[in-house]
């Protein structure tokens, strides 16, 4: 195996990134919940108003990992980086690729002076939890994540509330 190349993602990488996102969804037992499409991701990353960016880990010309992020804002802390997806292909895990990819994101946050970096991890995903603990990450069990799905948003009616 060649050494992984960690670099900013390009439009040409999106098919490999999308395949990794589907692999992650399967691992998290949520394959049926992937609603976005490759075409939407292309617009959302490289269109007129990009809303996310990403790093890839490339090994022997193939996408072996991705760290997909966007900039968020906290009224208490200011600008921050939100790591939406961070995944390494199953057959590439344990080779240090994840560490190099994660460190690229950490360096980006540091270099840009972001006040914090955040992400979610499932409470049953012990390998991921252990990975983040190795870096001394704060894993906060106190906050509950709220959300509305697409159908809920579309059916929202202010007159009912």
C-alpha atoms as a PDB file:
ATOM      1  CA  UNK A   1       0.000   0.000   0.000  1.00  0.00           C
ATOM      2  CA  UNK A   2       1.228   3.460  -0.871  1.00  0.00           C
ATOM      3  CA  UNK A   3       1.196   6.193   1.713  1.00  0.00           C
ATOM      4  CA  UNK A   4      -2.162   7.988   1.826  1.00  0.00           C
ATOM      5  CA  UNK A   5      -2.360  11.400   0.222  1.00  0.00           C
ATOM      6  CA  UNK A   6      -4.546  13.776   2.237  1.00  0.00           C
ATOM      7  CA  UNK A   7      -5.883  16.633   0.123  1.00  0.00           C
ATOM      8  CA  UNK A   8      -8.853  18.909  -0.419  1.00  0.00           C
ATOM      9  CA  UNK A   9     -11.595  17.157  -2.336  1.00  0.00           C
ATOM     10  CA  UNK A  10     -12.499  17.948  -5.928  1.00  0.00           C
ATOM     11  CA  UNK A  11     -15.606  17.462  -8.028  1.00  0.00           C
ATOM     12  CA  UNK A  12     -14.009  14.345  -9.507  1.00  0.00           C
ATOM     13  CA  UNK A  13     -13.827  12.816  -6.011  1.00  0.00           C
ATOM     14  CA  UNK A  14     -17.550  13.052  -5.311  1.00  0.00           C
ATOM     15  CA  UNK A  15     -18.511   9.621  -6.676  1.00  0.00           C
ATOM     16  CA  UNK A  16     -15.984   7.991  -4.341  1.00  0.00           C
ATOM     17  CA  UNK A  17     -17.111  10.207  -1.469  1.00  0.00           C
ATOM     18  CA  UNK A  18     -20.743   9.320  -2.085  1.00  0.00           C
ATOM     19  CA  UNK A  19     -19.857   5.617  -2.046  1.00  0.00           C
ATOM     20  CA  UNK A  20     -18.142   6.133   1.327  1.00  0.00           C
ATOM     21  CA  UNK A  21     -21.196   7.941   2.693  1.00  0.00           C
ATOM     22  CA  UNK A  22     -23.352   4.988   1.687  1.00  0.00           C
ATOM     23  CA  UNK A  23     -20.843   2.619   3.330  1.00  0.00           C
ATOM     24  CA  UNK A  24     -21.033   4.683   6.527  1.00  0.00           C
ATOM     25  CA  UNK A  25     -24.836   4.615   6.452  1.00  0.00           C
ATOM     26  CA  UNK A  26     -24.773   0.832   6.166  1.00  0.00           C
ATOM     27  CA  UNK A  27     -22.313   0.574   9.066  1.00  0.00           C
ATOM     28  CA  UNK A  28     -24.602   2.788  11.166  1.00  0.00           C
ATOM     29  CA  UNK A  29     -27.583   0.571  10.244  1.00  0.00           C
ATOM     30  CA  UNK A  30     -29.256   3.440   8.398  1.00  0.00           C
ATOM     31  CA  UNK A  31     -28.690   2.720   4.690  1.00  0.00           C
ATOM     32  CA  UNK A  32     -32.330   3.516   3.921  1.00  0.00           C
ATOM     33  CA  UNK A  33     -31.929   7.035   5.348  1.00  0.00           C
ATOM     34  CA  UNK A  34     -29.560   8.403   2.690  1.00  0.00           C
ATOM     35  CA  UNK A  35     -31.727  10.854   0.770  1.00  0.00           C
ATOM     36  CA  UNK A  36     -29.198  13.112  -0.906  1.00  0.00           C
ATOM     37  CA  UNK A  37     -27.922  12.354  -4.382  1.00  0.00           C
ATOM     38  CA  UNK A  38     -24.553  12.683  -6.030  1.00  0.00           C
ATOM     39  CA  UNK A  39     -25.989  15.486  -8.184  1.00  0.00           C
ATOM     40  CA  UNK A  40     -27.175  17.406  -5.112  1.00  0.00           C
ATOM     41  CA  UNK A  41     -23.789  16.998  -3.488  1.00  0.00           C
ATOM     42  CA  UNK A  42     -22.097  18.407  -6.571  1.00  0.00           C
ATOM     43  CA  UNK A  43     -24.262  21.532  -6.456  1.00  0.00           C
ATOM     44  CA  UNK A  44     -23.893  21.841  -2.687  1.00  0.00           C
ATOM     45  CA  UNK A  45     -20.092  21.593  -2.818  1.00  0.00           C
ATOM     46  CA  UNK A  46     -19.228  23.235  -6.114  1.00  0.00           C
ATOM     47  CA  UNK A  47     -22.272  25.271  -7.120  1.00  0.00           C
ATOM     48  CA  UNK A  48     -22.876  28.985  -6.829  1.00  0.00           C
ATOM     49  CA  UNK A  49     -23.311  28.865  -3.031  1.00  0.00           C
ATOM     50  CA  UNK A  50     -21.216  25.999  -1.629  1.00  0.00           C
ATOM     51  CA  UNK A  51     -22.364  24.779   1.790  1.00  0.00           C
ATOM     52  CA  UNK A  52     -19.727  22.145   2.547  1.00  0.00           C
ATOM     53  CA  UNK A  53     -16.162  21.215   1.788  1.00  0.00           C
ATOM     54  CA  UNK A  54     -14.139  18.056   2.303  1.00  0.00           C
ATOM     55  CA  UNK A  55     -10.766  16.403   2.517  1.00  0.00           C
ATOM     56  CA  UNK A  56     -10.092  13.010   1.017  1.00  0.00           C
ATOM     57  CA  UNK A  57      -7.531  10.340   1.738  1.00  0.00           C
ATOM     58  CA  UNK A  58      -6.336   8.826  -1.507  1.00  0.00           C
ATOM     59  CA  UNK A  59      -4.485   5.507  -1.622  1.00  0.00           C
ATOM     60  CA  UNK A  60      -3.217   4.128  -4.922  1.00  0.00           C
ATOM     61  CA  UNK A  61      -5.549   6.440  -6.862  1.00  0.00           C
ATOM     62  CA  UNK A  62      -8.674   5.410  -4.903  1.00  0.00           C
ATOM     63  CA  UNK A  63     -10.648   7.381  -2.313  1.00  0.00           C
ATOM     64  CA  UNK A  64     -10.009   5.580   0.965  1.00  0.00           C
ATOM     65  CA  UNK A  65     -11.481   8.149   3.343  1.00  0.00           C
ATOM     66  CA  UNK A  66     -13.347  11.421   3.623  1.00  0.00           C
ATOM     67  CA  UNK A  67     -13.795  14.172   6.169  1.00  0.00           C
ATOM     68  CA  UNK A  68     -16.756  16.319   5.124  1.00  0.00           C
ATOM     69  CA  UNK A  69     -17.274  19.579   7.034  1.00  0.00           C
ATOM     70  CA  UNK A  70     -18.888  22.989   7.039  1.00  0.00           C
ATOM     71  CA  UNK A  71     -18.545  26.200   8.991  1.00  0.00           C
ATOM     72  CA  UNK A  72     -21.072  26.830  11.753  1.00  0.00           C
ATOM     73  CA  UNK A  73     -21.687  29.703  14.103  1.00  0.00           C
ATOM     74  CA  UNK A  74     -22.268  29.784  17.840  1.00  0.00           C
ATOM     75  CA  UNK A  75     -23.669  32.911  19.446  1.00  0.00           C
ATOM     76  CA  UNK A  76     -21.544  32.084  22.496  1.00  0.00           C
ATOM     77  CA  UNK A  77     -18.308  31.046  20.809  1.00  0.00           C
ATOM     78  CA  UNK A  78     -18.285  32.420  17.256  1.00  0.00           C
ATOM     79  CA  UNK A  79     -17.126  30.524  14.178  1.00  0.00           C
ATOM     80  CA  UNK A  80     -16.567  26.799  14.369  1.00  0.00           C
ATOM     81  CA  UNK A  81     -16.071  23.791  12.177  1.00  0.00           C
ATOM     82  CA  UNK A  82     -18.679  21.033  12.090  1.00  0.00           C
ATOM     83  CA  UNK A  83     -17.400  17.632  10.968  1.00  0.00           C
ATOM     84  CA  UNK A  84     -20.459  16.091   9.339  1.00  0.00           C
ATOM     85  CA  UNK A  85     -18.969  12.828   8.116  1.00  0.00           C
ATOM     86  CA  UNK A  86     -15.648  11.204   8.829  1.00  0.00           C
ATOM     87  CA  UNK A  87     -15.155   7.730   7.431  1.00  0.00           C
ATOM     88  CA  UNK A  88     -12.417   5.440   6.172  1.00  0.00           C
ATOM     89  CA  UNK A  89     -13.213   2.447   3.981  1.00  0.00           C
ATOM     90  CA  UNK A  90     -13.567  -0.650   6.092  1.00  0.00           C
ATOM     91  CA  UNK A  91     -10.750  -2.458   4.266  1.00  0.00           C
ATOM     92  CA  UNK A  92      -8.424   0.528   4.864  1.00  0.00           C
ATOM     93  CA  UNK A  93      -8.999   0.930   8.608  1.00  0.00           C
ATOM     94  CA  UNK A  94      -6.197   0.389  11.087  1.00  0.00           C
ATOM     95  CA  UNK A  95      -3.539   1.785   8.735  1.00  0.00           C
ATOM     96  CA  UNK A  96      -3.342   5.325  10.142  1.00  0.00           C
ATOM     97  CA  UNK A  97      -5.427   6.863   7.360  1.00  0.00           C
ATOM     98  CA  UNK A  98      -8.125   8.082   9.749  1.00  0.00           C
ATOM     99  CA  UNK A  99      -5.547   9.766  11.983  1.00  0.00           C
ATOM    100  CA  UNK A 100      -4.015  11.653   9.052  1.00  0.00           C
ATOM    101  CA  UNK A 101      -7.441  12.723   7.786  1.00  0.00           C
ATOM    102  CA  UNK A 102      -8.648  13.788  11.245  1.00  0.00           C
ATOM    103  CA  UNK A 103      -5.445  15.707  11.877  1.00  0.00           C
ATOM    104  CA  UNK A 104      -5.901  17.573   8.579  1.00  0.00           C
ATOM    105  CA  UNK A 105      -9.307  18.741   9.832  1.00  0.00           C
ATOM    106  CA  UNK A 106      -7.888  19.647  13.256  1.00  0.00           C
ATOM    107  CA  UNK A 107      -5.146  21.683  11.579  1.00  0.00           C
ATOM    108  CA  UNK A 108      -7.672  23.438   9.348  1.00  0.00           C
ATOM    109  CA  UNK A 109      -9.720  24.441  12.396  1.00  0.00           C
ATOM    110  CA  UNK A 110      -6.605  25.591  14.227  1.00  0.00           C
ATOM    111  CA  UNK A 111      -5.192  27.559  11.275  1.00  0.00           C
ATOM    112  CA  UNK A 112      -8.507  29.348  10.728  1.00  0.00           C
ATOM    113  CA  UNK A 113      -8.843  30.258  14.389  1.00  0.00           C
ATOM    114  CA  UNK A 114     -12.161  28.481  14.841  1.00  0.00           C
ATOM    115  CA  UNK A 115     -13.304  28.500  18.450  1.00  0.00           C
ATOM    116  CA  UNK A 116     -14.319  24.855  18.366  1.00  0.00           C
ATOM    117  CA  UNK A 117     -14.805  21.794  16.252  1.00  0.00           C
ATOM    118  CA  UNK A 118     -17.852  19.580  16.709  1.00  0.00           C
ATOM    119  CA  UNK A 119     -19.241  16.290  15.438  1.00  0.00           C
ATOM    120  CA  UNK A 120     -21.629  13.551  16.466  1.00  0.00           C
ATOM    121  CA  UNK A 121     -20.795   9.942  17.144  1.00  0.00           C
ATOM    122  CA  UNK A 122     -23.194   7.130  17.942  1.00  0.00           C
ATOM    123  CA  UNK A 123     -22.983   5.976  21.546  1.00  0.00           C
ATOM    124  CA  UNK A 124     -22.550   2.332  20.485  1.00  0.00           C
ATOM    125  CA  UNK A 125     -19.664   3.019  18.080  1.00  0.00           C
ATOM    126  CA  UNK A 126     -16.844   2.051  20.451  1.00  0.00           C
ATOM    127  CA  UNK A 127     -14.069   2.107  17.811  1.00  0.00           C
ATOM    128  CA  UNK A 128     -14.964   5.720  16.934  1.00  0.00           C
ATOM    129  CA  UNK A 129     -15.369   6.732  20.581  1.00  0.00           C
ATOM    130  CA  UNK A 130     -11.965   5.265  21.395  1.00  0.00           C
ATOM    131  CA  UNK A 131     -10.430   7.041  18.395  1.00  0.00           C
ATOM    132  CA  UNK A 132     -11.730  10.425  19.605  1.00  0.00           C
ATOM    133  CA  UNK A 133     -10.703   9.708  23.207  1.00  0.00           C
ATOM    134  CA  UNK A 134      -7.155   9.128  21.965  1.00  0.00           C
ATOM    135  CA  UNK A 135      -7.159  12.788  20.891  1.00  0.00           C
ATOM    136  CA  UNK A 136      -8.579  13.964  24.220  1.00  0.00           C
ATOM    137  CA  UNK A 137     -11.905  15.019  22.678  1.00  0.00           C
ATOM    138  CA  UNK A 138     -14.783  16.088  24.895  1.00  0.00           C
ATOM    139  CA  UNK A 139     -17.608  13.581  24.439  1.00  0.00           C
ATOM    140  CA  UNK A 140     -20.605  15.284  26.017  1.00  0.00           C
ATOM    141  CA  UNK A 141     -23.496  13.000  27.047  1.00  0.00           C
ATOM    142  CA  UNK A 142     -25.571  15.940  28.329  1.00  0.00           C
ATOM    143  CA  UNK A 143     -26.845  17.515  25.110  1.00  0.00           C
ATOM    144  CA  UNK A 144     -29.797  16.001  23.270  1.00  0.00           C
ATOM    145  CA  UNK A 145     -29.814  16.537  19.513  1.00  0.00           C
ATOM    146  CA  UNK A 146     -33.071  17.808  18.071  1.00  0.00           C
ATOM    147  CA  UNK A 147     -34.083  17.669  14.431  1.00  0.00           C
ATOM    148  CA  UNK A 148     -36.945  17.766  11.960  1.00  0.00           C
ATOM    149  CA  UNK A 149     -36.859  15.566   8.866  1.00  0.00           C
ATOM    150  CA  UNK A 150     -37.867  16.732   5.393  1.00  0.00           C
ATOM    151  CA  UNK A 151     -41.467  15.531   5.692  1.00  0.00           C
ATOM    152  CA  UNK A 152     -41.931  17.304   9.028  1.00  0.00           C
ATOM    153  CA  UNK A 153     -40.573  20.543   7.595  1.00  0.00           C
ATOM    154  CA  UNK A 154     -42.834  20.312   4.547  1.00  0.00           C
ATOM    155  CA  UNK A 155     -45.919  19.645   6.645  1.00  0.00           C
ATOM    156  CA  UNK A 156     -45.216  22.424   9.140  1.00  0.00           C
ATOM    157  CA  UNK A 157     -48.142  24.812   9.436  1.00  0.00           C
ATOM    158  CA  UNK A 158     -47.857  27.913  11.615  1.00  0.00           C
ATOM    159  CA  UNK A 159     -51.613  28.091  11.950  1.00  0.00           C
ATOM    160  CA  UNK A 160     -51.670  24.804  13.918  1.00  0.00           C
ATOM    161  CA  UNK A 161     -49.159  26.045  16.512  1.00  0.00           C
END
